[in-house]
All heavy atoms as atom14 arrays in JSON, in Angstrom:
{
  "sequence": "RALSDVAIKLYEGELAVLLGPSGSGKSTLLNILGGLD",
  "atom14_mask": [
    [1, 1, 1, 1, 1, 1, 1, 1, 1, 1, 1, 0, 0, 0],
    [1, 1, 1, 1, 1, 0, 0, 0, 0, 0, 0, 0, 0, 0],
    [1, 1, 1, 1, 1, 1, 1, 1, 0, 0, 0, 0, 0, 0],
    [1, 1, 1, 1, 1, 1, 0, 0, 0, 0, 0, 0, 0, 0],
    [1, 1, 1, 1, 1, 1, 1, 1, 0, 0, 0, 0, 0, 0],
    [1, 1, 1, 1, 1, 1, 1, 0, 0, 0, 0, 0, 0, 0],
    [1, 1, 1, 1, 1, 0, 0, 0, 0, 0, 0, 0, 0, 0],
    [1, 1, 1, 1, 1, 1, 1, 1, 0, 0, 0, 0, 0, 0],
    [1, 1, 1, 1, 1, 1, 1, 1, 1, 0, 0, 0, 0, 0],
    [1, 1, 1, 1, 1, 1, 1, 1, 0, 0, 0, 0, 0, 0],
    [1, 1, 1, 1, 1, 1, 1, 1, 1, 1, 1, 1, 0, 0],
    [1, 1, 1, 1, 1, 1, 1, 1, 1, 0, 0, 0, 0, 0],
    [1, 1, 1, 1, 0, 0, 0, 0, 0, 0, 0, 0, 0, 0],
    [1, 1, 1, 1, 1, 1, 1, 1, 1, 0, 0, 0, 0, 0],
    [1, 1, 1, 1, 1, 1, 1, 1, 0, 0, 0, 0, 0, 0],
    [1, 1, 1, 1, 1, 0, 0, 0, 0, 0, 0, 0, 0, 0],
    [1, 1, 1, 1, 1, 1, 1, 0, 0, 0, 0, 0, 0, 0],
    [1, 1, 1, 1, 1, 1, 1, 1, 0, 0, 0, 0, 0, 0],
    [1, 1, 1, 1, 1, 1, 1, 1, 0, 0, 0, 0, 0, 0],
    [1, 1, 1, 1, 0, 0, 0, 0, 0, 0, 0, 0, 0, 0],
    [1, 1, 1, 1, 1, 1, 1, 0, 0, 0, 0, 0, 0, 0],
    [1, 1, 1, 1, 1, 1, 0, 0, 0, 0, 0, 0, 0, 0],
    [1, 1, 1, 1, 0, 0, 0, 0, 0, 0, 0, 0, 0, 0],
    [1, 1, 1, 1, 1, 1, 0, 0, 0, 0, 0, 0, 0, 0],
    [1, 1, 1, 1, 0, 0, 0, 0, 0, 0, 0, 0, 0, 0],
    [1, 1, 1, 1, 1, 1, 1, 1, 1, 0, 0, 0, 0, 0],
    [1, 1, 1, 1, 1, 1, 0, 0, 0, 0, 0, 0, 0, 0],
    [1, 1, 1, 1, 1, 1, 1, 0, 0, 0, 0, 0, 0, 0],
    [1, 1, 1, 1, 1, 1, 1, 1, 0, 0, 0, 0, 0, 0],
    [1, 1, 1, 1, 1, 1, 1, 1, 0, 0, 0, 0, 0, 0],
    [1, 1, 1, 1, 1, 1, 1, 1, 0, 0, 0, 0, 0, 0],
    [1, 1, 1, 1, 1, 1, 1, 1, 0, 0, 0, 0, 0, 0],
    [1, 1, 1, 1, 1, 1, 1, 1, 0, 0, 0, 0, 0, 0],
    [1, 1, 1, 1, 0, 0, 0, 0, 0, 0, 0, 0, 0, 0],
    [1, 1, 1, 1, 0, 0, 0, 0, 0, 0, 0, 0, 0, 0],
    [1, 1, 1, 1, 1, 1, 1, 1, 0, 0, 0, 0, 0, 0],
    [1, 1, 1, 1, 1, 1, 1, 1, 0, 0, 0, 0, 0, 0]
  ],
  "atom14_positions": [
    [[-11.44, -3.14, 9.32], [-10.88, -3.74, 8.1], [-10.06, -2.66, 7.4], [-10.58, -1.8, 6.7], [-12.01, -4.25, 7.22], [-11.55, -5.02, 5.99], [-12.74, -5.66, 5.29], [-13.3, -6.76, 6.08], [-13.0, -8.04, 5.85], [-12.16, -8.38, 4.89], [-13.55, -8.98, 6.6], [0.0, 0.0, 0.0], [0.0, 0.0, 0.0], [0.0, 0.0, 0.0]],
    [[-8.75, -2.71, 7.58], [-7.86, -1.69, 7.01], [-7.61, -1.92, 5.53], [-7.45, -0.96, 4.77], [-6.54, -1.67, 7.77], [0.0, 0.0, 0.0], [0.0, 0.0, 0.0], [0.0, 0.0, 0.0], [0.0, 0.0, 0.0], [0.0, 0.0, 0.0], [0.0, 0.0, 0.0], [0.0, 0.0, 0.0], [0.0, 0.0, 0.0], [0.0, 0.0, 0.0]],
    [[-7.54, -3.18, 5.11], [-7.37, -3.53, 3.7], [-8.34, -4.64, 3.35], [-8.56, -5.55, 4.15], [-5.93, -4.0, 3.41], [-4.8, -2.99, 3.52], [-3.45, -3.69, 3.36], [-4.95, -1.88, 2.49], [0.0, 0.0, 0.0], [0.0, 0.0, 0.0], [0.0, 0.0, 0.0], [0.0, 0.0, 0.0], [0.0, 0.0, 0.0], [0.0, 0.0, 0.0]],
    [[-8.9, -4.56, 2.13], [-9.86, -5.57, 1.7], [-9.53, -6.05, 0.3], [-9.72, -5.33, -0.69], [-11.29, -5.0, 1.71], [-11.7, -4.64, 3.01], [0.0, 0.0, 0.0], [0.0, 0.0, 0.0], [0.0, 0.0, 0.0], [0.0, 0.0, 0.0], [0.0, 0.0, 0.0], [0.0, 0.0, 0.0], [0.0, 0.0, 0.0], [0.0, 0.0, 0.0]],
    [[-8.94, -7.24, 0.22], [-8.73, -7.92, -1.07], [-7.97, -7.05, -2.07], [-8.35, -6.92, -3.22], [-10.08, -8.34, -1.65], [-9.94, -9.41, -2.73], [-8.97, -10.18, -2.67], [-10.79, -9.44, -3.64], [0.0, 0.0, 0.0], [0.0, 0.0, 0.0], [0.0, 0.0, 0.0], [0.0, 0.0, 0.0], [0.0, 0.0, 0.0], [0.0, 0.0, 0.0]],
    [[-6.85, -6.47, -1.63], [-6.05, -5.6, -2.49], [-5.16, -6.44, -3.4], [-4.54, -7.41, -2.96], [-5.17, -4.64, -1.64], [-4.16, -3.9, -2.51], [-6.06, -3.66, -0.9], [0.0, 0.0, 0.0], [0.0, 0.0, 0.0], [0.0, 0.0, 0.0], [0.0, 0.0, 0.0], [0.0, 0.0, 0.0], [0.0, 0.0, 0.0], [0.0, 0.0, 0.0]],
    [[-5.11, -6.07, -4.68], [-4.25, -6.74, -5.66], [-3.55, -5.67, -6.5], [-4.22, -4.94, -7.23], [-5.06, -7.68, -6.54], [0.0, 0.0, 0.0], [0.0, 0.0, 0.0], [0.0, 0.0, 0.0], [0.0, 0.0, 0.0], [0.0, 0.0, 0.0], [0.0, 0.0, 0.0], [0.0, 0.0, 0.0], [0.0, 0.0, 0.0], [0.0, 0.0, 0.0]],
    [[-2.23, -5.57, -6.38], [-1.47, -4.62, -7.18], [-0.11, -5.22, -7.52], [0.31, -6.22, -6.93], [-1.24, -3.28, -6.46], [-0.36, -3.47, -5.22], [-2.55, -2.6, -6.1], [0.09, -2.16, -4.61], [0.0, 0.0, 0.0], [0.0, 0.0, 0.0], [0.0, 0.0, 0.0], [0.0, 0.0, 0.0], [0.0, 0.0, 0.0], [0.0, 0.0, 0.0]],
    [[0.57, -4.6, -8.47], [1.96, -4.92, -8.77], [2.76, -3.62, -8.77], [2.28, -2.59, -9.24], [2.09, -5.62, -10.12], [1.54, -7.02, -10.15], [1.71, -7.67, -11.51], [1.13, -9.1, -11.51], [1.25, -9.73, -12.84], [0.0, 0.0, 0.0], [0.0, 0.0, 0.0], [0.0, 0.0, 0.0], [0.0, 0.0, 0.0], [0.0, 0.0, 0.0]],
    [[3.98, -3.69, -8.23], [4.92, -2.58, -8.31], [6.17, -3.09, -9.01], [6.61, -4.23, -8.76], [5.27, -2.07, -6.91], [4.13, -1.46, -6.1], [4.58, -1.14, -4.67], [3.6, -0.2, -6.76], [0.0, 0.0, 0.0], [0.0, 0.0, 0.0], [0.0, 0.0, 0.0], [0.0, 0.0, 0.0], [0.0, 0.0, 0.0], [0.0, 0.0, 0.0]],
    [[6.75, -2.24, -9.86], [7.82, -2.69, -10.74], [9.19, -2.12, -10.37], [9.29, -1.08, -9.71], [7.49, -2.3, -12.18], [6.26, -2.99, -12.71], [5.04, -2.31, -12.78], [6.31, -4.3, -13.13], [3.91, -2.94, -13.25], [5.17, -4.94, -13.62], [3.98, -4.26, -13.68], [2.86, -4.88, -14.15], [0.0, 0.0, 0.0], [0.0, 0.0, 0.0]],
    [[10.22, -2.83, -10.82], [11.59, -2.35, -10.64], [11.73, -0.94, -11.22], [11.24, -0.66, -12.32], [12.58, -3.27, -11.35], [12.81, -4.6, -10.66], [13.89, -5.4, -11.37], [14.34, -4.98, -12.45], [14.27, -6.46, -10.84], [0.0, 0.0, 0.0], [0.0, 0.0, 0.0], [0.0, 0.0, 0.0], [0.0, 0.0, 0.0], [0.0, 0.0, 0.0]],
    [[12.41, -0.07, -10.5], [12.71, 1.26, -11.02], [11.54, 2.2, -11.08], [11.68, 3.34, -11.53], [0.0, 0.0, 0.0], [0.0, 0.0, 0.0], [0.0, 0.0, 0.0], [0.0, 0.0, 0.0], [0.0, 0.0, 0.0], [0.0, 0.0, 0.0], [0.0, 0.0, 0.0], [0.0, 0.0, 0.0], [0.0, 0.0, 0.0], [0.0, 0.0, 0.0]],
    [[10.38, 1.78, -10.61], [9.17, 2.6, -10.69], [9.08, 3.57, -9.54], [9.48, 3.27, -8.41], [7.95, 1.67, -10.68], [6.61, 2.38, -10.73], [5.45, 1.42, -10.87], [5.47, 0.34, -10.23], [4.51, 1.74, -11.62], [0.0, 0.0, 0.0], [0.0, 0.0, 0.0], [0.0, 0.0, 0.0], [0.0, 0.0, 0.0], [0.0, 0.0, 0.0]],
    [[8.53, 4.75, -9.81], [8.13, 5.66, -8.75], [6.61, 5.68, -8.75], [5.98, 6.14, -9.7], [8.69, 7.07, -8.98], [8.65, 8.01, -7.75], [9.61, 9.18, -7.95], [7.25, 8.56, -7.48], [0.0, 0.0, 0.0], [0.0, 0.0, 0.0], [0.0, 0.0, 0.0], [0.0, 0.0, 0.0], [0.0, 0.0, 0.0], [0.0, 0.0, 0.0]],
    [[6.03, 5.12, -7.7], [4.57, 5.03, -7.58], [4.1, 5.93, -6.46], [4.75, 6.05, -5.42], [4.16, 3.58, -7.3], [0.0, 0.0, 0.0], [0.0, 0.0, 0.0], [0.0, 0.0, 0.0], [0.0, 0.0, 0.0], [0.0, 0.0, 0.0], [0.0, 0.0, 0.0], [0.0, 0.0, 0.0], [0.0, 0.0, 0.0], [0.0, 0.0, 0.0]],
    [[2.96, 6.58, -6.68], [2.32, 7.39, -5.64], [1.04, 6.69, -5.21], [0.23, 6.26, -6.05], [2.03, 8.81, -6.14], [1.01, 9.51, -5.25], [3.31, 9.63, -6.18], [0.0, 0.0, 0.0], [0.0, 0.0, 0.0], [0.0, 0.0, 0.0], [0.0, 0.0, 0.0], [0.0, 0.0, 0.0], [0.0, 0.0, 0.0], [0.0, 0.0, 0.0]],
    [[0.87, 6.53, -3.89], [-0.34, 5.96, -3.31], [-1.14, 7.12, -2.73], [-0.71, 7.76, -1.76], [0.01, 4.95, -2.22], [0.48, 3.55, -2.65], [1.7, 3.61, -3.55], [0.79, 2.69, -1.42], [0.0, 0.0, 0.0], [0.0, 0.0, 0.0], [0.0, 0.0, 0.0], [0.0, 0.0, 0.0], [0.0, 0.0, 0.0], [0.0, 0.0, 0.0]],
    [[-2.29, 7.39, -3.34], [-3.04, 8.61, -3.04], [-4.39, 8.27, -2.43], [-5.1, 7.39, -2.91], [-3.24, 9.4, -4.34], [-3.95, 10.74, -4.24], [-3.15, 11.74, -3.42], [-4.19, 11.29, -5.65], [0.0, 0.0, 0.0], [0.0, 0.0, 0.0], [0.0, 0.0, 0.0], [0.0, 0.0, 0.0], [0.0, 0.0, 0.0], [0.0, 0.0, 0.0]],
    [[-4.74, 8.98, -1.37], [-6.05, 8.76, -0.76], [-6.12, 9.43, 0.6], [-5.1, 9.84, 1.17], [0.0, 0.0, 0.0], [0.0, 0.0, 0.0], [0.0, 0.0, 0.0], [0.0, 0.0, 0.0], [0.0, 0.0, 0.0], [0.0, 0.0, 0.0], [0.0, 0.0, 0.0], [0.0, 0.0, 0.0], [0.0, 0.0, 0.0], [0.0, 0.0, 0.0]],
    [[-7.32, 9.54, 1.16], [-7.49, 10.19, 2.46], [-6.92, 9.35, 3.59], [-6.64, 8.16, 3.43], [-9.01, 10.33, 2.58], [-9.55, 9.22, 1.74], [-8.59, 9.06, 0.59], [0.0, 0.0, 0.0], [0.0, 0.0, 0.0], [0.0, 0.0, 0.0], [0.0, 0.0, 0.0], [0.0, 0.0, 0.0], [0.0, 0.0, 0.0], [0.0, 0.0, 0.0]],
    [[-6.79, 9.96, 4.76], [-6.36, 9.23, 5.94], [-7.35, 8.1, 6.23], [-8.56, 8.26, 6.07], [-6.3, 10.16, 7.16], [-5.33, 11.17, 6.95], [0.0, 0.0, 0.0], [0.0, 0.0, 0.0], [0.0, 0.0, 0.0], [0.0, 0.0, 0.0], [0.0, 0.0, 0.0], [0.0, 0.0, 0.0], [0.0, 0.0, 0.0], [0.0, 0.0, 0.0]],
    [[-6.81, 6.95, 6.61], [-7.66, 5.81, 6.92], [-8.08, 4.98, 5.73], [-8.9, 4.06, 5.87], [0.0, 0.0, 0.0], [0.0, 0.0, 0.0], [0.0, 0.0, 0.0], [0.0, 0.0, 0.0], [0.0, 0.0, 0.0], [0.0, 0.0, 0.0], [0.0, 0.0, 0.0], [0.0, 0.0, 0.0], [0.0, 0.0, 0.0], [0.0, 0.0, 0.0]],
    [[-7.51, 5.27, 4.55], [-7.93, 4.54, 3.35], [-7.12, 3.27, 3.1], [-7.41, 2.53, 2.16], [-7.86, 5.45, 2.12], [-6.54, 5.94, 1.92], [0.0, 0.0, 0.0], [0.0, 0.0, 0.0], [0.0, 0.0, 0.0], [0.0, 0.0, 0.0], [0.0, 0.0, 0.0], [0.0, 0.0, 0.0], [0.0, 0.0, 0.0], [0.0, 0.0, 0.0]],
    [[-6.1, 3.02, 3.93], [-5.34, 1.77, 3.8], [-3.94, 1.91, 3.25], [-3.2, 0.92, 3.18], [0.0, 0.0, 0.0], [0.0, 0.0, 0.0], [0.0, 0.0, 0.0], [0.0, 0.0, 0.0], [0.0, 0.0, 0.0], [0.0, 0.0, 0.0], [0.0, 0.0, 0.0], [0.0, 0.0, 0.0], [0.0, 0.0, 0.0], [0.0, 0.0, 0.0]],
    [[-3.53, 3.13, 2.89], [-2.22, 3.33, 2.25], [-1.07, 2.9, 3.16], [-0.2, 2.14, 2.75], [-2.03, 4.81, 1.87], [-3.14, 5.41, 1.05], [-2.85, 6.85, 0.67], [-2.56, 7.78, 1.83], [-3.71, 7.95, 2.77], [0.0, 0.0, 0.0], [0.0, 0.0, 0.0], [0.0, 0.0, 0.0], [0.0, 0.0, 0.0], [0.0, 0.0, 0.0]],
    [[-1.08, 3.39, 4.4], [0.02, 3.09, 5.32], [0.04, 1.62, 5.7], [1.11, 1.02, 5.85], [-0.07, 3.96, 6.57], [0.15, 5.32, 6.27], [0.0, 0.0, 0.0], [0.0, 0.0, 0.0], [0.0, 0.0, 0.0], [0.0, 0.0, 0.0], [0.0, 0.0, 0.0], [0.0, 0.0, 0.0], [0.0, 0.0, 0.0], [0.0, 0.0, 0.0]],
    [[-1.12, 1.03, 5.85], [-1.18, -0.4, 6.18], [-0.53, -1.22, 5.07], [0.25, -2.13, 5.34], [-2.64, -0.85, 6.4], [-3.21, -0.08, 7.46], [-2.7, -2.33, 6.74], [0.0, 0.0, 0.0], [0.0, 0.0, 0.0], [0.0, 0.0, 0.0], [0.0, 0.0, 0.0], [0.0, 0.0, 0.0], [0.0, 0.0, 0.0], [0.0, 0.0, 0.0]],
    [[-0.84, -0.89, 3.82], [-0.23, -1.61, 2.71], [1.28, -1.42, 2.72], [2.05, -2.38, 2.58], [-0.81, -1.12, 1.37], [-0.13, -1.73, 0.13], [-0.31, -3.24, 0.1], [-0.68, -1.1, -1.14], [0.0, 0.0, 0.0], [0.0, 0.0, 0.0], [0.0, 0.0, 0.0], [0.0, 0.0, 0.0], [0.0, 0.0, 0.0], [0.0, 0.0, 0.0]],
    [[1.73, -0.18, 2.89], [3.17, 0.09, 2.88], [3.88, -0.66, 4.01], [4.97, -1.2, 3.82], [3.42, 1.59, 3.0], [4.66, 2.11, 2.27], [4.43, 2.08, 0.77], [4.99, 3.53, 2.7], [0.0, 0.0, 0.0], [0.0, 0.0, 0.0], [0.0, 0.0, 0.0], [0.0, 0.0, 0.0], [0.0, 0.0, 0.0], [0.0, 0.0, 0.0]],
    [[3.25, -0.7, 5.17], [3.86, -1.4, 6.3], [3.98, -2.9, 6.06], [4.95, -3.54, 6.47], [3.06, -1.15, 7.58], [3.23, 0.26, 8.1], [4.2, 0.95, 7.77], [2.29, 0.71, 8.91], [0.0, 0.0, 0.0], [0.0, 0.0, 0.0], [0.0, 0.0, 0.0], [0.0, 0.0, 0.0], [0.0, 0.0, 0.0], [0.0, 0.0, 0.0]],
    [[3.01, -3.47, 5.36], [3.08, -4.9, 5.02], [4.14, -5.13, 3.96], [4.94, -6.08, 4.05], [1.7, -5.43, 4.59], [0.73, -5.41, 5.79], [1.81, -6.85, 4.04], [-0.71, -5.75, 5.43], [0.0, 0.0, 0.0], [0.0, 0.0, 0.0], [0.0, 0.0, 0.0], [0.0, 0.0, 0.0], [0.0, 0.0, 0.0], [0.0, 0.0, 0.0]],
    [[4.2, -4.27, 2.95], [5.24, -4.4, 1.93], [6.63, -4.31, 2.54], [7.57, -5.0, 2.11], [5.1, -3.3, 0.86], [3.85, -3.32, -0.02], [3.9, -2.18, -1.03], [3.7, -4.65, -0.75], [0.0, 0.0, 0.0], [0.0, 0.0, 0.0], [0.0, 0.0, 0.0], [0.0, 0.0, 0.0], [0.0, 0.0, 0.0], [0.0, 0.0, 0.0]],
    [[6.77, -3.45, 3.55], [8.07, -3.25, 4.17], [8.4, -4.21, 5.29], [9.48, -4.13, 5.89], [0.0, 0.0, 0.0], [0.0, 0.0, 0.0], [0.0, 0.0, 0.0], [0.0, 0.0, 0.0], [0.0, 0.0, 0.0], [0.0, 0.0, 0.0], [0.0, 0.0, 0.0], [0.0, 0.0, 0.0], [0.0, 0.0, 0.0], [0.0, 0.0, 0.0]],
    [[7.5, -5.13, 5.6], [7.77, -6.1, 6.65], [7.61, -5.55, 8.04], [8.09, -6.15, 9.01], [0.0, 0.0, 0.0], [0.0, 0.0, 0.0], [0.0, 0.0, 0.0], [0.0, 0.0, 0.0], [0.0, 0.0, 0.0], [0.0, 0.0, 0.0], [0.0, 0.0, 0.0], [0.0, 0.0, 0.0], [0.0, 0.0, 0.0], [0.0, 0.0, 0.0]],
    [[6.91, -4.41, 8.19], [6.66, -3.84, 9.51], [5.36, -4.36, 10.11], [5.12, -4.21, 11.31], [6.59, -2.31, 9.42], [7.88, -1.59, 9.07], [7.61, -0.1, 8.86], [8.92, -1.79, 10.16], [0.0, 0.0, 0.0], [0.0, 0.0, 0.0], [0.0, 0.0, 0.0], [0.0, 0.0, 0.0], [0.0, 0.0, 0.0], [0.0, 0.0, 0.0]],
    [[4.5, -4.94, 9.27], [3.23, -5.47, 9.73], [2.95, -6.75, 8.94], [3.61, -7.03, 7.92], [2.11, -4.44, 9.5], [0.87, -4.69, 10.36], [0.83, -5.72, 11.07], [-0.05, -3.86, 10.31], [0.0, 0.0, 0.0], [0.0, 0.0, 0.0], [0.0, 0.0, 0.0], [0.0, 0.0, 0.0], [0.0, 0.0, 0.0], [0.0, 0.0, 0.0]]
  ]
}
């Protein structure tokens, strides 16, 4: 289970940092946001 019930919003013009250890789900989320997964 790479992601579990994640709910967030990202805004226009925002610089957001996604912080956490390897395997915490950051890349999976980014890949889904970017249409790679």
